[in-house]
Amino acid sequence: MQLLHAPCWSQFSLNSSKSPPTPAFLSPEKCLQLSAVNGSFHPTKLERSMWVSHKPSMLSCGSTKSASVEVSTGTAERDVLKALSQIIDPDFGTDIVSCGFVKDLQIDEALGEVSFRLELTTPACPVKDMFEQSANEVVVALPWVKKVNVTMSAQPARPIFSEQLPAGLQKISNIVAVSSCKGGVGKSTVAVNLAYTLAGMGARVGIFDADVYGPSLPTMVSPENRLLVMNPEKRTIIPTEYLGVKLVSFGFAGQGRAIMRGPMVSGVIDQLLTTTEWGELDYLVIDMPPGTGDIQLTLCQVVPLTAAVIVTTPQKLAFIDVAKGVRMFSKLKLRICATLMLMGNVIIHLVEVVQQFGIPHLFDLPIRPTLSASGDSGMPEVAADPQGEVAKTFQNLGVCIVQQCAKIRQQVSTAVTYDKSMKAIRVKVPQSDEEFFLHPATVRRNDRSAQSVDEWTGEQKLQYTDIPENVEPEEIRPMGNYAVSITWPDGFSQIAPYDQLQTMERLVDVPQITPVQA
């Protein structure tokens, strides 16, 4: 497989200003004002470059420097960090030193040599080449520096709540859902080509085909091994691979087409997804099944999805279902990074939904004969023609996903824990200093599930006196991005949305325990 060239920002900032650069993608307000070039919205003035693996690059000063320049170790380190702080990350709007990218800084004063490592958030970072080049330039410009050695690397793959996830998902950094809520609009085509685009940008990628009734992955890719293998000792599933991307689909299970009820399908999806030995992945792309029912809700609850991409067509029928899907993801607190329109130009109704829900990017991809043919041949279009027009659109979409996932991971989620010493449930709201405490019995009595409230009449089935005042939760763990699952002593598992927790009666005058100073 020929690797795709990763687009880089020409707006890359190299100054001491902390202001972020102008976004390279079209905003929804402008997408009707600008025409699509060759069937896709292209980032402004994007250049291409290739990231040369994790090998150190060295740059020697081209001009002769005075050998009499002397500098102390402390001063030298400050000079280097100050020089590197001129480089601004275009996504976070912060310099790379404050972002914590600079690692293993070593200085040889006698020889005038400086070496360090830039650890980025993802190996698919679209500005990695610019970071490397600019880091070399700003450091070698120091009067006492004669040689610079920069090594590029990426942070280890890890989810936000790794210790609370099934073993198979504990080494996956980002899980991206590709959804349409309407069948036959090209969702699987987008999911597969997006995954191979991210792989071409240097990321470790997997694809999970969540459509049990009609899996598409076995048709769209042609792995040599077309059957999933079970590890008998660990009782886990070993995924198959094609062109370096790990693949799991019910179609590779050798069971034929599935005829089963919804609860059975949800169980199959849960088992396939959570018991697979995915290993370390930067991105797991989930090809969501059509609709907004139990299967979609199960996926959103089983795994903490990082972001979603919505795929649609210009037809009003597809647009209605897309609006339903967007509202579902909004309630589940799942960030939608982009919407991709196939088979036509962007319609005004879609732009209104994009603006209403704050979807940052909108792409247009006309259907081409090669795109359809590649889906039937088992070779993704972006791998078959990495320099073609279709690949350019997916490169832009890939850059969008990388940048948006990095921003989302920087945001701290709501933290809900139980403090045994205070006999209270502690809730820490993200991006604020707000922290409050709830009485466990209050949380249990506010359960709104069918076991506590009649779904048809709204009558309260759970009585106040049914819950003892001294009840304590046995376990609290995140449930997707929107709630926590609380297990109580009677075995009941309560799903408590973050929004609901913030409306409950709070404890006041909770004693704060001050840590003992050593």
Protein backbone atom coordinates (compact mmCIF):
# COMPACT_ATOMS: atom_id res chain seq x y z
CA MET A 1 0.00 0.00 0.00
CA GLN A 2 1.32 3.37 -0.94
CA LEU A 3 1.08 5.72 2.00
CA LEU A 4 -0.99 8.84 1.58
CA HIS A 5 0.72 12.16 1.98
CA ALA A 6 -0.49 13.96 5.07
CA PRO A 7 -1.62 17.55 4.41
CA CYS A 8 0.10 20.23 6.47
CA TRP A 9 -1.02 23.69 7.51
CA SER A 10 0.51 26.59 5.65
CA GLN A 11 -0.97 28.80 8.39
CA PHE A 12 1.45 27.18 10.84
CA SER A 13 2.41 29.81 13.40
CA LEU A 14 6.00 30.55 14.32
CA ASN A 15 5.91 33.49 16.67
CA SER A 16 5.34 34.28 20.30
CA SER A 17 1.69 35.12 19.79
CA LYS A 18 -0.74 32.75 21.47
CA SER A 19 -3.59 33.42 19.07
CA PRO A 20 -4.64 30.31 17.09
CA PRO A 21 -4.43 30.31 13.31
CA THR A 22 -7.37 30.66 11.00
CA PRO A 23 -9.15 27.30 10.64
CA ALA A 24 -8.28 25.55 7.41
CA PHE A 25 -11.76 24.12 6.87
CA LEU A 26 -14.97 25.69 5.69
CA SER A 27 -17.39 26.73 8.36
CA PRO A 28 -21.07 25.92 7.81
CA GLU A 29 -21.76 29.61 7.23
CA LYS A 30 -19.39 29.68 4.26
CA CYS A 31 -20.05 26.31 2.69
CA LEU A 32 -22.86 27.67 0.48
CA GLN A 33 -20.80 30.67 -0.55
CA LEU A 34 -17.84 28.67 -1.82
CA SER A 35 -18.03 26.11 -4.59
CA ALA A 36 -16.55 22.65 -4.25
CA VAL A 37 -13.28 22.15 -6.09
CA ASN A 38 -13.17 18.79 -7.88
CA GLY A 39 -15.93 17.49 -5.64
CA SER A 40 -14.51 18.34 -2.24
CA PHE A 41 -13.96 21.24 0.11
CA HIS A 42 -10.20 21.74 0.28
CA PRO A 43 -8.37 23.33 3.19
CA THR A 44 -6.90 26.68 2.37
CA LYS A 45 -3.36 26.53 0.99
CA LEU A 46 -2.63 23.04 2.21
CA GLU A 47 0.75 21.60 1.31
CA ARG A 48 1.75 17.94 1.28
CA SER A 49 4.68 16.37 3.01
CA MET A 50 5.71 12.94 4.23
CA TRP A 51 6.71 12.12 7.80
CA VAL A 52 9.92 10.12 7.79
CA SER A 53 9.48 7.49 10.55
CA HIS A 54 10.80 8.00 14.08
CA LYS A 55 14.38 8.56 13.01
CA PRO A 56 16.29 11.52 14.38
CA SER A 57 16.88 14.41 12.04
CA MET A 58 19.93 16.57 12.40
CA LEU A 59 20.51 20.09 11.25
CA SER A 60 23.86 21.83 11.44
CA CYS A 61 24.20 25.55 11.38
CA GLY A 62 25.01 26.74 7.87
CA SER A 63 26.85 29.85 8.97
CA THR A 64 30.02 30.03 11.04
CA LYS A 65 29.34 30.88 14.68
CA SER A 66 31.71 32.33 17.19
CA ALA A 67 33.46 29.63 19.22
CA SER A 68 33.82 31.99 22.16
CA VAL A 69 30.15 31.89 23.09
CA GLU A 70 29.79 30.33 26.54
CA VAL A 71 26.56 29.39 28.25
CA SER A 72 25.65 27.66 31.50
CA THR A 73 23.46 24.56 31.58
CA GLY A 74 20.51 26.37 33.16
CA THR A 75 20.72 29.25 30.72
CA ALA A 76 21.09 26.89 27.77
CA GLU A 77 17.97 24.94 28.70
CA ARG A 78 15.98 28.13 29.15
CA ASP A 79 17.19 29.41 25.77
CA VAL A 80 16.16 26.22 24.00
CA LEU A 81 12.72 26.08 25.62
CA LYS A 82 12.16 29.77 24.94
CA ALA A 83 13.04 29.23 21.29
CA LEU A 84 10.72 26.23 21.01
CA SER A 85 7.90 28.15 22.69
CA GLN A 86 7.68 30.26 19.53
CA ILE A 87 6.10 27.26 17.77
CA ILE A 88 2.34 27.34 18.19
CA ASP A 89 0.15 24.25 17.85
CA PRO A 90 -2.61 25.26 15.38
CA ASP A 91 -5.22 23.06 17.08
CA PHE A 92 -4.75 24.10 20.71
CA GLY A 93 -3.48 27.64 20.07
CA THR A 94 -0.70 26.99 22.60
CA ASP A 95 3.05 26.65 22.17
CA ILE A 96 4.52 23.15 22.02
CA VAL A 97 6.41 23.61 25.29
CA SER A 98 3.21 24.39 27.22
CA CYS A 99 1.52 21.46 25.48
CA GLY A 100 4.19 19.17 26.93
CA PHE A 101 5.46 17.98 23.55
CA VAL A 102 9.17 18.56 24.32
CA LYS A 103 10.75 15.47 25.92
CA ASP A 104 14.26 14.19 26.75
CA LEU A 105 16.04 17.52 26.28
CA GLN A 106 19.82 17.00 26.35
CA ILE A 107 22.48 19.68 25.86
CA ASP A 108 26.21 19.25 25.22
CA GLU A 109 27.61 22.71 25.86
CA ALA A 110 31.16 21.86 24.82
CA LEU A 111 30.13 20.66 21.37
CA GLY A 112 27.17 23.01 20.99
CA GLU A 113 24.79 20.09 20.38
CA VAL A 114 21.12 19.95 21.38
CA SER A 115 18.89 16.88 21.17
CA PHE A 116 15.27 16.42 22.17
CA ARG A 117 12.14 14.51 21.27
CA LEU A 118 8.79 15.95 20.18
CA GLU A 119 6.04 13.65 21.45
CA LEU A 120 2.84 14.50 19.56
CA THR A 121 -0.69 13.46 20.46
CA THR A 122 -0.99 11.16 17.43
CA PRO A 123 1.33 9.75 14.75
CA ALA A 124 -1.18 11.05 12.20
CA CYS A 125 -0.60 14.68 13.24
CA PRO A 126 -1.00 16.76 10.06
CA VAL A 127 1.65 19.30 11.14
CA LYS A 128 4.35 16.91 12.29
CA ASP A 129 6.71 17.80 9.42
CA MET A 130 6.29 21.49 10.13
CA PHE A 131 6.95 20.91 13.83
CA GLU A 132 10.17 19.05 13.04
CA GLN A 133 11.42 21.63 10.54
CA SER A 134 10.56 24.64 12.70
CA ALA A 135 12.05 23.07 15.84
CA ASN A 136 15.31 22.57 13.99
CA GLU A 137 15.32 26.13 12.67
CA VAL A 138 14.54 27.98 15.90
CA VAL A 139 17.06 26.02 17.99
CA VAL A 140 19.93 26.12 15.50
CA ALA A 141 19.44 29.89 15.32
CA LEU A 142 20.75 30.21 18.89
CA PRO A 143 24.30 31.63 18.76
CA TRP A 144 25.94 28.77 20.70
CA VAL A 145 24.18 25.88 18.93
CA LYS A 146 26.05 24.05 16.17
CA LYS A 147 23.96 20.90 15.73
CA VAL A 148 20.33 19.97 16.49
CA ASN A 149 19.00 16.43 16.77
CA VAL A 150 15.18 16.17 16.76
CA THR A 151 13.36 12.85 17.15
CA MET A 152 9.64 12.66 16.39
CA SER A 153 7.32 10.33 18.30
CA ALA A 154 3.71 10.04 19.43
CA GLN A 155 2.01 9.44 22.75
CA PRO A 156 1.15 5.80 23.54
CA ALA A 157 -2.34 4.74 22.52
CA ARG A 158 -4.61 4.99 25.52
CA PRO A 159 -8.28 5.91 26.11
CA ILE A 160 -9.42 8.45 28.68
CA PHE A 161 -10.94 5.82 31.03
CA SER A 162 -8.64 2.87 30.29
CA GLU A 163 -8.94 1.20 33.70
CA GLN A 164 -12.75 1.08 33.44
CA LEU A 165 -12.96 -0.44 29.96
CA PRO A 166 -12.96 -4.05 28.76
CA ALA A 167 -9.45 -5.40 28.21
CA GLY A 168 -9.77 -5.32 24.43
CA LEU A 169 -10.44 -1.57 24.39
CA GLN A 170 -7.87 -0.42 26.93
CA LYS A 171 -5.21 0.49 24.37
CA ILE A 172 -7.35 2.41 21.87
CA SER A 173 -6.90 6.18 21.95
CA ASN A 174 -9.85 7.31 19.82
CA ILE A 175 -13.05 5.58 18.73
CA VAL A 176 -14.79 7.28 15.80
CA ALA A 177 -18.33 6.34 14.77
CA VAL A 178 -19.39 6.74 11.14
CA SER A 179 -23.17 6.96 11.03
CA SER A 180 -25.92 7.79 8.58
CA CYS A 181 -29.13 6.58 10.28
CA LYS A 182 -30.29 5.81 6.73
CA GLY A 183 -29.23 2.74 4.79
CA GLY A 184 -27.65 2.90 1.35
CA VAL A 185 -26.16 6.41 1.50
CA GLY A 186 -22.49 5.38 1.38
CA LYS A 187 -21.71 5.14 5.09
CA SER A 188 -19.60 1.98 4.78
CA THR A 189 -17.69 3.47 1.85
CA VAL A 190 -16.82 6.50 3.96
CA ALA A 191 -15.88 4.42 7.02
CA VAL A 192 -13.48 2.16 5.09
CA ASN A 193 -11.82 4.95 3.11
CA LEU A 194 -11.51 7.14 6.21
CA ALA A 195 -9.80 4.29 8.08
CA TYR A 196 -7.27 3.69 5.32
CA THR A 197 -6.66 7.43 5.02
CA LEU A 198 -5.77 7.62 8.72
CA ALA A 199 -3.52 4.59 8.27
CA GLY A 200 -1.80 6.32 5.37
CA MET A 201 -1.16 9.31 7.61
CA GLY A 202 0.84 7.09 9.94
CA ALA A 203 -1.78 6.02 12.50
CA ARG A 204 -2.53 2.53 13.79
CA VAL A 205 -6.11 1.88 12.75
CA GLY A 206 -8.85 -0.73 13.07
CA ILE A 207 -12.32 -1.04 11.54
CA PHE A 208 -15.31 -2.54 13.33
CA ASP A 209 -18.31 -3.38 11.14
CA ALA A 210 -21.26 -3.11 13.53
CA ASP A 211 -23.92 -4.16 10.99
CA VAL A 212 -24.76 -7.76 11.90
CA TYR A 213 -27.75 -8.06 9.55
CA GLY A 214 -25.83 -6.98 6.44
CA PRO A 215 -22.07 -6.60 6.99
CA SER A 216 -20.28 -4.63 4.26
CA LEU A 217 -16.64 -5.00 5.28
CA PRO A 218 -16.06 -8.47 3.71
CA THR A 219 -17.01 -7.00 0.32
CA MET A 220 -15.07 -3.75 0.58
CA VAL A 221 -11.72 -5.26 1.62
CA SER A 222 -9.97 -8.46 0.59
CA PRO A 223 -7.86 -9.83 3.45
CA GLU A 224 -6.00 -13.06 2.84
CA ASN A 225 -7.51 -14.56 5.99
CA ARG A 226 -11.27 -14.07 5.77
CA LEU A 227 -12.14 -15.73 9.07
CA LEU A 228 -11.73 -14.43 12.60
CA VAL A 229 -9.62 -16.64 14.86
CA MET A 230 -10.40 -17.38 18.50
CA ASN A 231 -7.63 -17.44 21.08
CA PRO A 232 -8.63 -20.52 23.12
CA GLU A 233 -6.54 -19.60 26.16
CA LYS A 234 -7.70 -16.01 26.55
CA ARG A 235 -11.11 -16.63 24.92
CA THR A 236 -10.57 -13.55 22.81
CA ILE A 237 -10.93 -12.80 19.10
CA ILE A 238 -7.91 -12.16 16.90
CA PRO A 239 -8.83 -9.67 14.13
CA THR A 240 -7.89 -10.19 10.52
CA GLU A 241 -5.81 -7.56 8.67
CA TYR A 242 -5.64 -5.96 5.25
CA LEU A 243 -2.99 -3.41 4.22
CA GLY A 244 -2.03 -2.88 7.86
CA VAL A 245 -5.56 -2.15 9.14
CA LYS A 246 -7.17 -4.52 11.65
CA LEU A 247 -10.65 -5.72 10.68
CA VAL A 248 -13.56 -7.23 12.61
CA SER A 249 -16.97 -7.97 11.13
CA PHE A 250 -19.73 -10.49 11.73
CA GLY A 251 -19.20 -11.35 8.07
CA PHE A 252 -15.77 -12.75 8.99
CA ALA A 253 -17.26 -14.99 11.68
CA GLY A 254 -18.30 -17.65 9.17
CA GLN A 255 -21.92 -17.65 10.36
CA GLY A 256 -23.58 -16.41 7.18
CA ARG A 257 -26.34 -13.80 7.27
CA ALA A 258 -27.83 -13.19 10.69
CA ILE A 259 -31.50 -13.70 11.54
CA MET A 260 -31.94 -12.69 15.15
CA ARG A 261 -33.81 -10.30 17.41
CA GLY A 262 -32.52 -6.94 18.59
CA PRO A 263 -31.29 -8.00 22.08
CA MET A 264 -29.32 -10.87 20.51
CA VAL A 265 -27.73 -8.51 18.00
CA SER A 266 -26.69 -6.12 20.76
CA GLY A 267 -25.04 -9.01 22.59
CA VAL A 268 -23.17 -10.13 19.47
CA ILE A 269 -21.89 -6.62 18.82
CA ASP A 270 -20.81 -6.22 22.44
CA GLN A 271 -18.92 -9.52 22.32
CA LEU A 272 -17.23 -8.84 18.98
CA LEU A 273 -16.16 -5.34 19.97
CA THR A 274 -15.00 -5.85 23.55
CA THR A 275 -13.37 -9.30 23.34
CA THR A 276 -11.26 -8.58 20.26
CA GLU A 277 -7.50 -8.25 20.75
CA TRP A 278 -7.24 -4.85 19.08
CA GLY A 279 -3.86 -4.10 20.63
CA GLU A 280 -2.58 -0.51 20.49
CA LEU A 281 -4.65 1.59 18.10
CA ASP A 282 -4.70 5.31 17.53
CA TYR A 283 -8.12 5.17 15.87
CA LEU A 284 -10.86 2.56 15.79
CA VAL A 285 -13.44 3.41 13.12
CA ILE A 286 -16.89 1.93 13.79
CA ASP A 287 -19.18 1.48 10.79
CA MET A 288 -22.50 2.00 12.56
CA PRO A 289 -25.65 0.17 11.37
CA PRO A 290 -28.56 2.27 10.06
CA GLY A 291 -31.13 3.58 12.50
CA THR A 292 -31.31 5.03 16.01
CA GLY A 293 -32.41 1.99 18.02
CA ASP A 294 -31.06 -0.45 20.59
CA ILE A 295 -27.91 -1.33 18.67
CA GLN A 296 -26.80 2.29 18.36
CA LEU A 297 -27.58 2.98 22.01
CA THR A 298 -25.67 -0.14 23.07
CA LEU A 299 -22.59 0.97 21.16
CA CYS A 300 -22.75 4.44 22.69
CA GLN A 301 -23.01 2.92 26.17
CA VAL A 302 -20.47 0.11 25.88
CA VAL A 303 -17.61 2.26 24.59
CA PRO A 304 -16.69 5.93 25.15
CA LEU A 305 -16.93 7.13 21.56
CA THR A 306 -14.61 10.05 20.91
CA ALA A 307 -16.38 11.57 17.92
CA ALA A 308 -18.76 10.87 15.07
CA VAL A 309 -18.98 11.53 11.33
CA ILE A 310 -22.42 11.83 9.74
CA VAL A 311 -22.90 10.65 6.13
CA THR A 312 -25.92 11.66 4.07
CA THR A 313 -27.23 12.34 0.56
CA PRO A 314 -29.19 15.34 -0.83
CA GLN A 315 -32.54 13.51 -0.64
CA LYS A 316 -35.06 14.83 1.87
CA LEU A 317 -35.76 11.27 3.05
CA ALA A 318 -32.14 10.80 4.05
CA PHE A 319 -32.00 14.26 5.60
CA ILE A 320 -34.91 13.50 7.95
CA ASP A 321 -33.13 10.44 9.34
CA VAL A 322 -29.85 12.35 9.63
CA ALA A 323 -31.58 14.96 11.79
CA LYS A 324 -32.81 12.16 14.08
CA GLY A 325 -29.32 10.74 14.37
CA VAL A 326 -27.80 14.12 15.14
CA ARG A 327 -30.32 14.66 17.93
CA MET A 328 -29.59 11.19 19.35
CA PHE A 329 -25.85 11.86 19.43
CA SER A 330 -26.50 15.25 20.98
CA LYS A 331 -28.44 13.66 23.86
CA LEU A 332 -25.68 11.08 24.33
CA LYS A 333 -23.07 13.88 24.50
CA LEU A 334 -21.21 12.55 21.47
CA ARG A 335 -19.35 15.22 19.51
CA ILE A 336 -20.04 15.24 15.76
CA CYS A 337 -16.84 16.36 14.03
CA ALA A 338 -18.01 16.49 10.43
CA THR A 339 -20.83 15.82 8.01
CA LEU A 340 -20.09 14.38 4.57
CA MET A 341 -22.55 14.78 1.69
CA LEU A 342 -22.43 12.17 -1.07
CA MET A 343 -23.94 12.31 -4.57
CA GLY A 344 -24.59 16.01 -4.75
CA ASN A 345 -24.10 19.55 -3.55
CA VAL A 346 -24.77 20.69 -0.01
CA ILE A 347 -28.42 21.51 0.62
CA ILE A 348 -29.65 24.42 2.69
CA HIS A 349 -31.56 22.19 5.16
CA LEU A 350 -28.41 20.26 6.02
CA VAL A 351 -26.51 23.49 6.61
CA GLU A 352 -29.23 24.59 9.03
CA VAL A 353 -28.82 21.37 11.05
CA VAL A 354 -25.03 21.73 10.97
CA GLN A 355 -25.31 25.26 12.33
CA GLN A 356 -27.97 24.34 14.91
CA PHE A 357 -25.89 21.57 16.48
CA GLY A 358 -22.49 23.23 16.05
CA ILE A 359 -20.99 20.66 13.66
CA PRO A 360 -17.68 22.31 12.71
CA HIS A 361 -17.00 20.85 9.25
CA LEU A 362 -19.02 19.99 6.16
CA PHE A 363 -17.63 18.05 3.18
CA ASP A 364 -18.98 17.32 -0.29
CA LEU A 365 -18.05 14.10 -2.13
CA PRO A 366 -19.69 13.44 -5.53
CA ILE A 367 -19.98 9.75 -6.36
CA ARG A 368 -17.45 8.70 -9.01
CA PRO A 369 -17.43 5.38 -10.91
CA THR A 370 -14.04 4.47 -9.44
CA LEU A 371 -15.33 4.93 -5.88
CA SER A 372 -18.18 2.49 -6.44
CA ALA A 373 -15.98 0.04 -8.36
CA SER A 374 -13.32 -0.01 -5.65
CA GLY A 375 -15.93 -0.82 -3.03
CA ASP A 376 -16.95 -3.89 -5.02
CA SER A 377 -13.40 -5.00 -5.83
CA GLY A 378 -12.13 -5.21 -2.26
CA MET A 379 -9.57 -2.41 -2.62
CA PRO A 380 -10.43 0.95 -0.96
CA GLU A 381 -10.25 3.85 -3.40
CA VAL A 382 -7.80 5.84 -1.27
CA ALA A 383 -5.40 2.88 -1.37
CA ALA A 384 -5.89 2.18 -5.07
CA ASP A 385 -5.42 5.83 -6.11
CA PRO A 386 -3.86 7.80 -3.22
CA GLN A 387 -3.30 10.88 -5.40
CA GLY A 388 -6.82 10.98 -6.88
CA GLU A 389 -9.61 13.46 -6.24
CA VAL A 390 -11.46 11.08 -3.92
CA ALA A 391 -8.31 10.58 -1.84
CA LYS A 392 -7.89 14.36 -1.52
CA THR A 393 -11.34 14.70 0.02
CA PHE A 394 -10.66 11.89 2.47
CA GLN A 395 -7.28 13.41 3.33
CA ASN A 396 -9.09 16.59 4.30
CA LEU A 397 -11.61 14.58 6.31
CA GLY A 398 -8.77 12.65 7.96
CA VAL A 399 -7.02 15.85 9.02
CA CYS A 400 -10.33 17.09 10.43
CA ILE A 401 -10.78 13.91 12.49
CA VAL A 402 -7.22 14.01 13.83
CA GLN A 403 -7.54 17.65 14.91
CA GLN A 404 -11.00 17.33 16.43
CA CYS A 405 -10.15 14.14 18.36
CA ALA A 406 -7.06 15.82 19.79
CA LYS A 407 -9.16 18.76 21.00
CA ILE A 408 -11.83 16.51 22.50
CA ARG A 409 -9.27 14.46 24.42
CA GLN A 410 -7.91 17.65 25.98
CA GLN A 411 -11.30 18.31 27.53
CA VAL A 412 -11.82 16.65 30.89
CA SER A 413 -15.02 14.66 31.28
CA THR A 414 -17.39 14.87 34.24
CA ALA A 415 -15.93 12.85 37.11
CA VAL A 416 -18.29 10.98 39.43
CA THR A 417 -16.83 9.10 42.40
CA TYR A 418 -17.93 7.85 45.80
CA ASP A 419 -16.17 9.27 48.85
CA LYS A 420 -16.47 6.71 51.64
CA SER A 421 -15.15 9.08 54.30
CA MET A 422 -17.90 11.59 53.52
CA LYS A 423 -20.58 9.03 52.66
CA ALA A 424 -21.33 11.12 49.58
CA ILE A 425 -21.15 10.93 45.79
CA ARG A 426 -18.74 13.55 44.49
CA VAL A 427 -19.45 15.18 41.09
CA LYS A 428 -16.77 17.29 39.39
CA VAL A 429 -18.05 19.32 36.45
CA PRO A 430 -15.53 19.69 33.59
CA GLN A 431 -14.08 23.03 32.49
CA SER A 432 -15.12 24.73 35.72
CA ASP A 433 -14.33 24.78 39.42
CA GLU A 434 -17.80 23.45 40.27
CA GLU A 435 -17.83 20.41 42.53
CA PHE A 436 -20.80 19.19 44.55
CA PHE A 437 -21.88 16.22 46.64
CA LEU A 438 -25.01 14.07 46.49
CA HIS A 439 -26.55 11.79 49.10
CA PRO A 440 -26.44 8.22 47.68
CA ALA A 441 -30.05 7.57 48.69
CA THR A 442 -31.13 10.69 46.78
CA VAL A 443 -29.43 9.44 43.63
CA ARG A 444 -31.00 5.99 43.95
CA ARG A 445 -34.49 7.44 44.50
CA ASN A 446 -34.18 9.60 41.39
CA ASP A 447 -33.79 6.63 39.06
CA ARG A 448 -36.02 7.06 36.00
CA SER A 449 -35.76 3.57 34.51
CA ALA A 450 -38.74 1.29 33.81
CA GLN A 451 -38.08 -0.50 37.10
CA SER A 452 -38.69 2.72 39.04
CA VAL A 453 -41.21 4.57 36.86
CA ASP A 454 -44.04 3.14 34.72
CA GLU A 455 -43.15 3.89 31.10
CA TRP A 456 -46.78 4.32 30.00
CA THR A 457 -48.44 6.14 32.89
CA GLY A 458 -45.44 7.86 34.48
CA GLU A 459 -46.52 6.48 37.86
CA GLN A 460 -43.74 6.21 40.44
CA LYS A 461 -43.17 2.52 41.19
CA LEU A 462 -40.15 2.99 43.46
CA GLN A 463 -41.29 4.39 46.80
CA TYR A 464 -39.25 6.73 49.00
CA THR A 465 -39.18 4.27 51.88
CA ASP A 466 -37.93 1.45 49.63
CA ILE A 467 -34.43 2.92 49.75
CA PRO A 468 -32.62 2.98 53.12
CA GLU A 469 -30.87 6.19 54.11
CA ASN A 470 -27.53 4.46 54.59
CA VAL A 471 -27.38 2.85 51.14
CA GLU A 472 -23.96 3.04 49.47
CA PRO A 473 -23.00 2.39 45.83
CA GLU A 474 -20.79 -0.62 45.15
CA GLU A 475 -19.38 0.62 41.84
CA ILE A 476 -19.50 3.75 39.69
CA ARG A 477 -18.19 3.67 36.12
CA PRO A 478 -18.64 5.86 33.03
CA MET A 479 -21.39 4.92 30.60
CA GLY A 480 -20.36 6.32 27.24
CA ASN A 481 -20.00 10.10 27.24
CA TYR A 482 -23.29 11.08 28.84
CA ALA A 483 -23.82 9.13 32.07
CA VAL A 484 -22.45 6.84 34.76
CA SER A 485 -23.57 3.35 35.66
CA ILE A 486 -24.06 2.91 39.42
CA THR A 487 -24.29 -0.59 40.88
CA TRP A 488 -26.19 -0.83 44.19
CA PRO A 489 -26.09 -3.56 46.91
CA ASP A 490 -29.37 -5.10 45.69
CA GLY A 491 -27.76 -5.75 42.29
CA PHE A 492 -29.62 -2.96 40.50
CA SER A 493 -27.58 -1.08 37.89
CA GLN A 494 -28.72 2.52 37.57
CA ILE A 495 -27.86 4.72 34.59
CA ALA A 496 -27.53 8.29 35.85
CA PRO A 497 -27.03 10.93 33.13
CA TYR A 498 -24.69 13.78 34.03
CA ASP A 499 -27.44 16.31 33.27
CA GLN A 500 -29.77 14.61 35.75
CA LEU A 501 -27.12 14.53 38.48
CA GLN A 502 -26.76 18.30 38.24
CA THR A 503 -30.50 18.79 38.92
CA MET A 504 -30.64 16.67 42.11
CA GLU A 505 -30.76 18.06 45.63
CA ARG A 506 -27.21 18.62 46.81
CA LEU A 507 -25.60 18.10 50.18
CA VAL A 508 -24.48 21.24 51.99
CA ASP A 509 -21.84 21.73 54.67
CA VAL A 510 -19.99 18.60 53.60
CA PRO A 511 -16.78 18.45 55.66
CA GLN A 512 -13.70 18.89 53.48
CA ILE A 513 -10.71 16.73 54.36
CA THR A 514 -7.45 18.60 54.05
CA PRO A 515 -4.46 16.44 53.10
CA VAL A 516 -1.83 16.17 55.81
CA GLN A 517 1.34 17.98 54.84
CA ALA A 518 4.44 15.81 55.04
